[in-house]
C-alpha atoms as a PDB file:
ATOM      1  CA  MET A   1    -116.089 114.701-120.765  1.00  0.00           C
ATOM      2  CA  ARG A   2    -115.483 115.667-117.282  1.00  0.00           C
ATOM      3  CA  ARG A   3    -116.385 113.740-114.557  1.00  0.00           C
ATOM      4  CA  PRO A   4    -119.004 114.929-111.621  1.00  0.00           C
ATOM      5  CA  LYS A   5    -117.219 115.575-108.856  1.00  0.00           C
ATOM      6  CA  SER A   6    -118.299 112.928-106.136  1.00  0.00           C
ATOM      7  CA  ARG A   7    -119.500 115.017-102.692  1.00  0.00           C
ATOM      8  CA  ARG A   8    -118.184 113.432 -99.699  1.00  0.00           C
ATOM      9  CA  PRO A   9    -119.864 113.873 -96.914  1.00  0.00           C
ATOM     10  CA  SER A  10    -118.060 116.321 -93.777  1.00  0.00           C
ATOM     11  CA  LEU A  11    -117.067 114.755 -90.808  1.00  0.00           C
ATOM     12  CA  GLY A  12    -119.962 116.119 -88.842  1.00  0.00           C
ATOM     13  CA  VAL A  13    -122.414 114.498 -90.768  1.00  0.00           C
ATOM     14  CA  VAL A  14    -120.329 111.314 -90.556  1.00  0.00           C
ATOM     15  CA  LEU A  15    -120.338 111.466 -86.629  1.00  0.00           C
ATOM     16  CA  ARG A  16    -123.609 112.359 -86.446  1.00  0.00           C
ATOM     17  CA  GLN A  17    -124.824 109.208 -87.917  1.00  0.00           C
ATOM     18  CA  LEU A  18    -122.521 106.693 -86.392  1.00  0.00           C
ATOM     19  CA  LEU A  19    -122.645 108.306 -82.796  1.00  0.00           C
ATOM     20  CA  PRO A  20    -125.807 106.835 -81.556  1.00  0.00           C
ATOM     21  CA  GLY A  21    -124.756 103.540 -83.016  1.00  0.00           C
ATOM     22  CA  ALA A  22    -121.560 104.257 -81.231  1.00  0.00           C
ATOM     23  CA  ALA A  23    -123.002 105.088 -77.695  1.00  0.00           C
ATOM     24  CA  VAL A  24    -125.201 101.949 -77.567  1.00  0.00           C
ATOM     25  CA  ALA A  25    -122.261  99.436 -78.229  1.00  0.00           C
ATOM     26  CA  ALA A  26    -120.331 101.250 -75.392  1.00  0.00           C
ATOM     27  CA  LEU A  27    -123.562 101.077 -73.419  1.00  0.00           C
ATOM     28  CA  LEU A  28    -124.018  97.180 -74.255  1.00  0.00           C
ATOM     29  CA  ALA A  29    -119.973  96.946 -73.937  1.00  0.00           C
ATOM     30  CA  ALA A  30    -120.676  98.199 -70.332  1.00  0.00           C
ATOM     31  CA  VAL A  31    -122.949  95.924 -69.492  1.00  0.00           C
ATOM     32  CA  GLY A  32    -121.502  93.545 -70.483  1.00  0.00           C
ATOM     33  CA  ILE A  33    -118.572  93.876 -68.037  1.00  0.00           C
ATOM     34  CA  LEU A  34    -120.757  94.614 -65.182  1.00  0.00           C
ATOM     35  CA  HIS A  35    -122.440  91.388 -66.105  1.00  0.00           C
ATOM     36  CA  VAL A  36    -119.437  89.571 -65.745  1.00  0.00           C
ATOM     37  CA  ALA A  37    -117.922  91.252 -63.232  1.00  0.00           C
ATOM     38  CA  ALA A  38    -121.478  90.526 -60.612  1.00  0.00           C
ATOM     39  CA  ARG A  39    -120.992  87.042 -61.713  1.00  0.00           C
ATOM     40  CA  THR A  40    -117.713  86.760 -61.057  1.00  0.00           C
ATOM     41  CA  GLU A  41    -118.271  88.177 -57.513  1.00  0.00           C
ATOM     42  CA  VAL A  42    -120.506  85.541 -56.825  1.00  0.00           C
ATOM     43  CA  VAL A  43    -118.864  83.149 -58.052  1.00  0.00           C
ATOM     44  CA  ASP A  44    -116.059  83.682 -55.257  1.00  0.00           C
ATOM     45  CA  THR A  45    -118.722  84.448 -53.062  1.00  0.00           C
ATOM     46  CA  GLY A  46    -119.597  80.816 -53.362  1.00  0.00           C
ATOM     47  CA  TYR A  47    -116.322  79.769 -53.119  1.00  0.00           C
ATOM     48  CA  ALA A  48    -115.340  81.564 -49.592  1.00  0.00           C
ATOM     49  CA  LEU A  49    -118.843  80.036 -48.582  1.00  0.00           C
ATOM     50  CA  SER A  50    -118.049  76.844 -49.031  1.00  0.00           C
ATOM     51  CA  HIS A  51    -114.591  76.916 -47.260  1.00  0.00           C
ATOM     52  CA  LEU A  52    -116.087  78.617 -44.427  1.00  0.00           C
ATOM     53  CA  GLU A  53    -119.347  75.586 -44.514  1.00  0.00           C
ATOM     54  CA  ALA A  54    -116.643  73.472 -44.406  1.00  0.00           C
ATOM     55  CA  GLU A  55    -114.239  74.517 -42.045  1.00  0.00           C
ATOM     56  CA  ASN A  56    -117.703  75.110 -39.754  1.00  0.00           C
ATOM     57  CA  ARG A  57    -118.094  71.095 -39.973  1.00  0.00           C
ATOM     58  CA  SER A  58    -114.297  70.332 -39.305  1.00  0.00           C
ATOM     59  CA  LEU A  59    -114.477  73.116 -35.972  1.00  0.00           C
ATOM     60  CA  THR A  60    -117.698  71.310 -35.049  1.00  0.00           C
ATOM     61  CA  LEU A  61    -117.050  68.088 -35.431  1.00  0.00           C
ATOM     62  CA  GLU A  62    -113.535  69.034 -33.077  1.00  0.00           C
ATOM     63  CA  ASN A  63    -115.966  70.867 -30.975  1.00  0.00           C
ATOM     64  CA  ASP A  64    -117.662  67.221 -30.663  1.00  0.00           C
ATOM     65  CA  ARG A  65    -114.475  65.398 -30.197  1.00  0.00           C
ATOM     66  CA  LEU A  66    -113.000  67.071 -27.043  1.00  0.00           C
ATOM     67  CA  ARG A  67    -116.388  67.176 -25.108  1.00  0.00           C
ATOM     68  CA  LEU A  68    -116.292  63.159 -25.773  1.00  0.00           C
ATOM     69  CA  GLU A  69    -112.813  64.014 -23.948  1.00  0.00           C
ATOM     70  CA  LEU A  70    -114.187  66.181 -21.639  1.00  0.00           C
ATOM     71  CA  ALA A  71    -116.692  63.563 -20.363  1.00  0.00           C
ATOM     72  CA  THR A  72    -114.214  60.357 -20.045  1.00  0.00           C
ATOM     73  CA  LEU A  73    -111.283  62.397 -18.155  1.00  0.00           C
ATOM     74  CA  LYS A  74    -114.394  63.547 -15.745  1.00  0.00           C
ATOM     75  CA  ARG A  75    -115.877  59.597 -14.727  1.00  0.00           C
ATOM     76  CA  SER A  76    -115.959  59.228 -11.683  1.00  0.00           C
ATOM     77  CA  ALA A  77    -114.206  55.677 -12.285  1.00  0.00           C
ATOM     78  CA  ARG A  78    -111.719  56.881 -14.194  1.00  0.00           C
ATOM     79  CA  LEU A  79    -110.794  59.703 -11.328  1.00  0.00           C
ATOM     80  CA  GLU A  80    -110.909  57.257  -8.435  1.00  0.00           C
ATOM     81  CA  LYS A  81    -107.843  55.088 -10.607  1.00  0.00           C
ATOM     82  CA  LEU A  82    -105.957  57.762 -10.849  1.00  0.00           C
ATOM     83  CA  ALA A  83    -105.998  58.989  -7.266  1.00  0.00           C
ATOM     84  CA  LYS A  84    -105.235  55.281  -6.055  1.00  0.00           C
ATOM     85  CA  ASP A  85    -102.546  54.228  -8.746  1.00  0.00           C
ATOM     86  CA  SER A  86    -100.966  57.557  -9.590  1.00  0.00           C
ATOM     87  CA  LEU A  87    -101.278  59.159  -5.766  1.00  0.00           C
ATOM     88  CA  GLY A  88    -101.506  56.899  -3.754  1.00  0.00           C
ATOM     89  CA  MET A  89    -104.546  57.924  -2.320  1.00  0.00           C
ATOM     90  CA  ALA A  90    -106.971  55.089  -0.485  1.00  0.00           C
ATOM     91  CA  PRO A  91    -109.984  55.560   0.705  1.00  0.00           C
ATOM     92  CA  PRO A  92    -110.542  56.625   4.304  1.00  0.00           C
ATOM     93  CA  ALA A  93    -111.063  53.892   7.210  1.00  0.00           C
ATOM     94  CA  PRO A  94    -113.823  52.999   8.730  1.00  0.00           C
ATOM     95  CA  GLY A  95    -114.583  55.535  12.229  1.00  0.00           C
ATOM     96  CA  SER A  96    -112.152  58.109  10.667  1.00  0.00           C
ATOM     97  CA  VAL A  97    -114.359  60.396   9.008  1.00  0.00           C
ATOM     98  CA  THR A  98    -115.972  62.534  12.280  1.00  0.00           C
ATOM     99  CA  VAL A  99    -119.610  63.909  10.832  1.00  0.00           C
ATOM    100  CA  LEU A 100    -119.361  66.943  12.881  1.00  0.00           C
ATOM    101  CA  SER A 101    -123.232  68.834  12.938  1.00  0.00           C
ATOM    102  CA  ARG A 102    -124.168  71.873  11.364  1.00  0.00           C
ATOM    103  CA  PRO A 103    -124.445  74.594  14.656  1.00  0.00           C
ATOM    104  CA  PRO A 104    -127.979  75.933  14.661  1.00  0.00           C
ATOM    105  CA  GLN A 105    -128.057  79.291  12.412  1.00  0.00           C
ATOM    106  CA  ARG A 106    -129.130  82.027  15.127  1.00  0.00           C
ATOM    107  CA  ALA A 107    -131.662  84.890  13.759  1.00  0.00           C
ATOM    108  CA  ALA A 108    -128.336  87.803  12.965  1.00  0.00           C
ATOM    109  CA  LEU A 109    -128.172  90.428  15.611  1.00  0.00           C
ATOM    110  CA  PRO A 110    -128.618  93.878  14.098  1.00  0.00           C
ATOM    111  CA  HIS A 111    -125.050  95.593  15.617  1.00  0.00           C
ATOM    112  CA  PRO A 112    -125.037  98.258  17.345  1.00  0.00           C
ATOM    113  CA  VAL A 113    -124.206 101.606  15.224  1.00  0.00           C
ATOM    114  CA  ALA A 114    -121.230 104.190  16.192  1.00  0.00           C
ATOM    115  CA  VAL A 115    -121.951 107.990  15.364  1.00  0.00           C
ATOM    116  CA  ALA A 116    -119.291 109.786  15.716  1.00  0.00           C
ATOM    117  CA  GLY A 117    -118.509 111.844  18.566  1.00  0.00           C
ATOM    118  CA  ARG A 118    -121.353 109.662  20.977  1.00  0.00           C
ATOM    119  CA  PRO A 119    -120.158 105.971  22.266  1.00  0.00           C
END
């Protein structure tokens, strides 16, 4: 008895049958990779934002501390003590200050304009 010949499908038929499934699988893989890349970028941006917010809080606290220090250094009582102790300054003796009165303001007089060739 003879065995019937098994007919194997040709390469073109196999490719036509597998190509749509392979294309869908490749498309899904590409979408998955892009999704993971986008999520990774979102997480990285979140970490960067968190770091910048912490830095902003730190710099705001430093700014507040420096403003307080400046206000403390500008206090008149502190400046007066520093002038007396470190610089040896003292308030002027009574009668040693002469107040000058300001002369009355005169209206500005126009100045004559010299023209070339004329006096």
